[in-house]
């Protein structure tokens, strides 16, 4: 089992070191606070340390063979594919329908569909999640979020 994990560990270690090296090329700190290289550097450092710890743990612990219940059952595979399909639809529709409508539909689909939540709870979380995140990102943080490119939705300000 350890031989399967070693290439993954090597890949993650290289990724962490690469992110740190790329972050060093960016400005680490500005007069206003952390610069564009601050977050990637520490993210790469955490990935590198976590990979070293994980690899050490693999060598120190005995590995057991893969358990039979590792592969999810048919219902779990369906839910996984459902969520992945919803995510792909979200990505494809984001520029067309805008952030608020697409996020609302995505959250509602994922929560009510395979999530098996009640309709009222799903609608509430989806509305707060989509419009609340829009308010947070666009209004409070001043970040750009996609607006709808369809005329009717544009006229509504979505």
C-alpha atoms as a PDB file:
ATOM      1  CA  UNK A   1       0.000   0.000   0.000  1.00  0.00           C
ATOM      2  CA  UNK A   2       2.874   2.348   0.714  1.00  0.00           C
ATOM      3  CA  UNK A   3       4.092   2.002  -2.866  1.00  0.00           C
ATOM      4  CA  UNK A   4       0.810   3.409  -4.135  1.00  0.00           C
ATOM      5  CA  UNK A   5       1.045   6.430  -1.840  1.00  0.00           C
ATOM      6  CA  UNK A   6       4.676   7.322  -2.562  1.00  0.00           C
ATOM      7  CA  UNK A   7       4.060   8.784  -6.046  1.00  0.00           C
ATOM      8  CA  UNK A   8       1.156  10.803  -4.641  1.00  0.00           C
ATOM      9  CA  UNK A   9       3.351  12.058  -1.795  1.00  0.00           C
ATOM     10  CA  UNK A  10       6.116  12.981  -4.241  1.00  0.00           C
ATOM     11  CA  UNK A  11       3.647  14.849  -6.434  1.00  0.00           C
ATOM     12  CA  UNK A  12       2.202  16.767  -3.470  1.00  0.00           C
ATOM     13  CA  UNK A  13       5.684  17.574  -2.172  1.00  0.00           C
ATOM     14  CA  UNK A  14       6.737  18.919  -5.575  1.00  0.00           C
ATOM     15  CA  UNK A  15       3.519  20.934  -5.791  1.00  0.00           C
ATOM     16  CA  UNK A  16       4.074  22.461  -2.362  1.00  0.00           C
ATOM     17  CA  UNK A  17       7.676  23.402  -3.144  1.00  0.00           C
ATOM     18  CA  UNK A  18       6.661  24.797  -6.541  1.00  0.00           C
ATOM     19  CA  UNK A  19       3.929  26.975  -4.986  1.00  0.00           C
ATOM     20  CA  UNK A  20       6.405  28.282  -2.402  1.00  0.00           C
ATOM     21  CA  UNK A  21       9.004  29.022  -5.110  1.00  0.00           C
ATOM     22  CA  UNK A  22       6.419  30.830  -7.263  1.00  0.00           C
ATOM     23  CA  UNK A  23       5.204  32.808  -4.241  1.00  0.00           C
ATOM     24  CA  UNK A  24       8.743  33.994  -3.475  1.00  0.00           C
ATOM     25  CA  UNK A  25       8.754  35.664  -6.902  1.00  0.00           C
ATOM     26  CA  UNK A  26       5.725  37.747  -5.851  1.00  0.00           C
ATOM     27  CA  UNK A  27       5.678  40.567  -3.353  1.00  0.00           C
ATOM     28  CA  UNK A  28       5.391  39.054   0.131  1.00  0.00           C
ATOM     29  CA  UNK A  29       4.355  42.167   2.042  1.00  0.00           C
ATOM     30  CA  UNK A  30       3.108  45.622   1.035  1.00  0.00           C
ATOM     31  CA  UNK A  31       2.707  48.832   3.023  1.00  0.00           C
ATOM     32  CA  UNK A  32      -0.994  47.984   3.346  1.00  0.00           C
ATOM     33  CA  UNK A  33      -0.392  44.454   4.659  1.00  0.00           C
ATOM     34  CA  UNK A  34       0.206  41.010   3.189  1.00  0.00           C
ATOM     35  CA  UNK A  35       0.992  41.056  -0.504  1.00  0.00           C
ATOM     36  CA  UNK A  36       0.069  38.658  -3.305  1.00  0.00           C
ATOM     37  CA  UNK A  37       2.847  36.220  -2.348  1.00  0.00           C
ATOM     38  CA  UNK A  38       1.892  35.891   1.312  1.00  0.00           C
ATOM     39  CA  UNK A  39      -1.024  33.465   1.056  1.00  0.00           C
ATOM     40  CA  UNK A  40       0.449  31.189  -1.644  1.00  0.00           C
ATOM     41  CA  UNK A  41       3.746  30.925   0.239  1.00  0.00           C
ATOM     42  CA  UNK A  42       2.113  29.751   3.452  1.00  0.00           C
ATOM     43  CA  UNK A  43      -0.310  27.515   1.589  1.00  0.00           C
ATOM     44  CA  UNK A  44       2.639  25.834  -0.165  1.00  0.00           C
ATOM     45  CA  UNK A  45       4.498  25.572   3.145  1.00  0.00           C
ATOM     46  CA  UNK A  46       1.510  23.912   4.836  1.00  0.00           C
ATOM     47  CA  UNK A  47       1.114  21.499   1.924  1.00  0.00           C
ATOM     48  CA  UNK A  48       4.813  20.616   2.082  1.00  0.00           C
ATOM     49  CA  UNK A  49       4.783  20.049   5.846  1.00  0.00           C
ATOM     50  CA  UNK A  50       1.539  18.049   5.691  1.00  0.00           C
ATOM     51  CA  UNK A  51       2.996  15.866   2.939  1.00  0.00           C
ATOM     52  CA  UNK A  52       6.181  15.192   4.924  1.00  0.00           C
ATOM     53  CA  UNK A  53       4.144  14.322   8.029  1.00  0.00           C
ATOM     54  CA  UNK A  54       1.826  12.067   6.010  1.00  0.00           C
ATOM     55  CA  UNK A  55       4.758  10.288   4.358  1.00  0.00           C
ATOM     56  CA  UNK A  56       6.425   9.763   7.723  1.00  0.00           C
ATOM     57  CA  UNK A  57       3.193   8.379   9.125  1.00  0.00           C
ATOM     58  CA  UNK A  58       2.989   5.947   6.214  1.00  0.00           C
ATOM     59  CA  UNK A  59       6.436   4.586   7.021  1.00  0.00           C
ATOM     60  CA  UNK A  60       5.872   4.357  10.771  1.00  0.00           C
ATOM     61  CA  UNK A  61       2.445   2.728  10.745  1.00  0.00           C
ATOM     62  CA  UNK A  62       1.561  -0.645   9.417  1.00  0.00           C
ATOM     63  CA  UNK A  63      -0.650  -0.436   6.401  1.00  0.00           C
ATOM     64  CA  UNK A  64      -3.671  -2.638   6.142  1.00  0.00           C
ATOM     65  CA  UNK A  65      -5.074  -3.947   2.888  1.00  0.00           C
ATOM     66  CA  UNK A  66      -7.892  -2.046   1.245  1.00  0.00           C
ATOM     67  CA  UNK A  67     -11.180  -2.789   2.931  1.00  0.00           C
ATOM     68  CA  UNK A  68     -14.085  -4.101   0.913  1.00  0.00           C
ATOM     69  CA  UNK A  69     -16.382  -1.254   1.956  1.00  0.00           C
ATOM     70  CA  UNK A  70     -14.001   1.368   0.555  1.00  0.00           C
ATOM     71  CA  UNK A  71     -15.925   1.496  -2.717  1.00  0.00           C
ATOM     72  CA  UNK A  72     -19.217   3.335  -2.105  1.00  0.00           C
ATOM     73  CA  UNK A  73     -22.518   1.601  -2.772  1.00  0.00           C
ATOM     74  CA  UNK A  74     -24.711   2.352  -5.768  1.00  0.00           C
ATOM     75  CA  UNK A  75     -26.702   5.112  -4.015  1.00  0.00           C
ATOM     76  CA  UNK A  76     -23.561   6.919  -2.864  1.00  0.00           C
ATOM     77  CA  UNK A  77     -22.057   6.747  -6.363  1.00  0.00           C
ATOM     78  CA  UNK A  78     -25.266   8.213  -7.780  1.00  0.00           C
ATOM     79  CA  UNK A  79     -25.202  11.086  -5.276  1.00  0.00           C
ATOM     80  CA  UNK A  80     -21.547  11.755  -6.067  1.00  0.00           C
ATOM     81  CA  UNK A  81     -22.194  11.850  -9.817  1.00  0.00           C
ATOM     82  CA  UNK A  82     -25.273  14.033  -9.227  1.00  0.00           C
ATOM     83  CA  UNK A  83     -23.230  16.606  -7.303  1.00  0.00           C
ATOM     84  CA  UNK A  84     -20.444  16.519  -9.920  1.00  0.00           C
ATOM     85  CA  UNK A  85     -23.006  17.043 -12.708  1.00  0.00           C
ATOM     86  CA  UNK A  86     -24.512  19.964 -10.770  1.00  0.00           C
ATOM     87  CA  UNK A  87     -21.031  21.452 -10.371  1.00  0.00           C
ATOM     88  CA  UNK A  88     -20.335  21.132 -14.101  1.00  0.00           C
ATOM     89  CA  UNK A  89     -23.703  22.760 -14.852  1.00  0.00           C
ATOM     90  CA  UNK A  90     -22.821  25.560 -12.404  1.00  0.00           C
ATOM     91  CA  UNK A  91     -19.521  26.183 -14.195  1.00  0.00           C
ATOM     92  CA  UNK A  92     -21.166  26.179 -17.634  1.00  0.00           C
ATOM     93  CA  UNK A  93     -24.078  28.451 -16.641  1.00  0.00           C
ATOM     94  CA  UNK A  94     -22.250  30.945 -14.415  1.00  0.00           C
ATOM     95  CA  UNK A  95     -21.392  33.467 -17.142  1.00  0.00           C
ATOM     96  CA  UNK A  96     -24.822  33.149 -18.760  1.00  0.00           C
ATOM     97  CA  UNK A  97     -27.116  33.321 -15.728  1.00  0.00           C
ATOM     98  CA  UNK A  98     -24.895  35.265 -13.348  1.00  0.00           C
ATOM     99  CA  UNK A  99     -23.644  34.436  -9.876  1.00  0.00           C
ATOM    100  CA  UNK A 100     -26.832  34.839  -7.855  1.00  0.00           C
ATOM    101  CA  UNK A 101     -29.159  32.735 -10.011  1.00  0.00           C
ATOM    102  CA  UNK A 102     -26.574  30.041 -10.720  1.00  0.00           C
ATOM    103  CA  UNK A 103     -25.532  29.713  -7.072  1.00  0.00           C
ATOM    104  CA  UNK A 104     -29.186  29.644  -5.991  1.00  0.00           C
ATOM    105  CA  UNK A 105     -29.957  26.831  -8.455  1.00  0.00           C
ATOM    106  CA  UNK A 106     -26.785  24.919  -7.555  1.00  0.00           C
ATOM    107  CA  UNK A 107     -27.376  25.049  -3.811  1.00  0.00           C
ATOM    108  CA  UNK A 108     -31.055  24.224  -4.171  1.00  0.00           C
ATOM    109  CA  UNK A 109     -30.276  21.275  -6.445  1.00  0.00           C
ATOM    110  CA  UNK A 110     -27.551  19.844  -4.235  1.00  0.00           C
ATOM    111  CA  UNK A 111     -29.420  20.321  -0.961  1.00  0.00           C
ATOM    112  CA  UNK A 112     -32.853  19.151  -2.047  1.00  0.00           C
ATOM    113  CA  UNK A 113     -31.753  16.475  -4.522  1.00  0.00           C
ATOM    114  CA  UNK A 114     -29.211  14.045  -3.112  1.00  0.00           C
ATOM    115  CA  UNK A 115     -28.863  16.012   0.125  1.00  0.00           C
ATOM    116  CA  UNK A 116     -32.360  14.927   1.125  1.00  0.00           C
ATOM    117  CA  UNK A 117     -33.083  18.161   3.000  1.00  0.00           C
ATOM    118  CA  UNK A 118     -36.586  19.556   3.329  1.00  0.00           C
ATOM    119  CA  UNK A 119     -37.730  21.979   0.651  1.00  0.00           C
ATOM    120  CA  UNK A 120     -38.103  24.870   3.102  1.00  0.00           C
ATOM    121  CA  UNK A 121     -34.607  24.373   4.539  1.00  0.00           C
ATOM    122  CA  UNK A 122     -33.125  23.958   1.044  1.00  0.00           C
ATOM    123  CA  UNK A 123     -34.751  27.159  -0.268  1.00  0.00           C
ATOM    124  CA  UNK A 124     -33.676  29.105   2.825  1.00  0.00           C
ATOM    125  CA  UNK A 125     -30.049  27.974   2.704  1.00  0.00           C
ATOM    126  CA  UNK A 126     -29.873  28.424  -1.076  1.00  0.00           C
ATOM    127  CA  UNK A 127     -31.289  31.967  -0.896  1.00  0.00           C
ATOM    128  CA  UNK A 128     -29.036  33.018   1.972  1.00  0.00           C
ATOM    129  CA  UNK A 129     -26.061  31.282   0.369  1.00  0.00           C
ATOM    130  CA  UNK A 130     -26.463  32.815  -3.078  1.00  0.00           C
ATOM    131  CA  UNK A 131     -27.634  36.332  -2.266  1.00  0.00           C
ATOM    132  CA  UNK A 132     -25.660  36.487   0.984  1.00  0.00           C
ATOM    133  CA  UNK A 133     -22.437  35.456  -0.740  1.00  0.00           C
ATOM    134  CA  UNK A 134     -23.137  38.002  -3.483  1.00  0.00           C
ATOM    135  CA  UNK A 135     -23.526  40.705  -0.850  1.00  0.00           C
ATOM    136  CA  UNK A 136     -20.333  39.579   0.889  1.00  0.00           C
ATOM    137  CA  UNK A 137     -18.176  39.325  -2.228  1.00  0.00           C
ATOM    138  CA  UNK A 138     -19.579  42.162  -4.328  1.00  0.00           C
ATOM    139  CA  UNK A 139     -20.791  44.753  -1.842  1.00  0.00           C
ATOM    140  CA  UNK A 140     -18.575  44.273   1.219  1.00  0.00           C
ATOM    141  CA  UNK A 141     -15.330  43.039  -0.337  1.00  0.00           C
ATOM    142  CA  UNK A 142     -15.689  44.844  -3.666  1.00  0.00           C
ATOM    143  CA  UNK A 143     -14.877  41.758  -5.744  1.00  0.00           C
ATOM    144  CA  UNK A 144     -16.194  41.131  -9.229  1.00  0.00           C
ATOM    145  CA  UNK A 145     -18.875  38.466  -9.553  1.00  0.00           C
ATOM    146  CA  UNK A 146     -20.448  37.510 -12.887  1.00  0.00           C
ATOM    147  CA  UNK A 147     -23.724  39.157 -13.795  1.00  0.00           C
ATOM    148  CA  UNK A 148     -26.337  37.585 -16.053  1.00  0.00           C
ATOM    149  CA  UNK A 149     -25.825  38.065 -19.781  1.00  0.00           C
ATOM    150  CA  UNK A 150     -29.433  37.248 -20.710  1.00  0.00           C
ATOM    151  CA  UNK A 151     -31.465  40.375 -21.408  1.00  0.00           C
ATOM    152  CA  UNK A 152     -34.406  39.675 -19.085  1.00  0.00           C
ATOM    153  CA  UNK A 153     -32.131  38.821 -16.161  1.00  0.00           C
ATOM    154  CA  UNK A 154     -29.934  41.830 -16.914  1.00  0.00           C
ATOM    155  CA  UNK A 155     -32.991  44.082 -16.791  1.00  0.00           C
ATOM    156  CA  UNK A 156     -33.800  42.691 -13.334  1.00  0.00           C
ATOM    157  CA  UNK A 157     -30.272  43.553 -12.170  1.00  0.00           C
ATOM    158  CA  UNK A 158     -29.190  39.960 -11.718  1.00  0.00           C
END
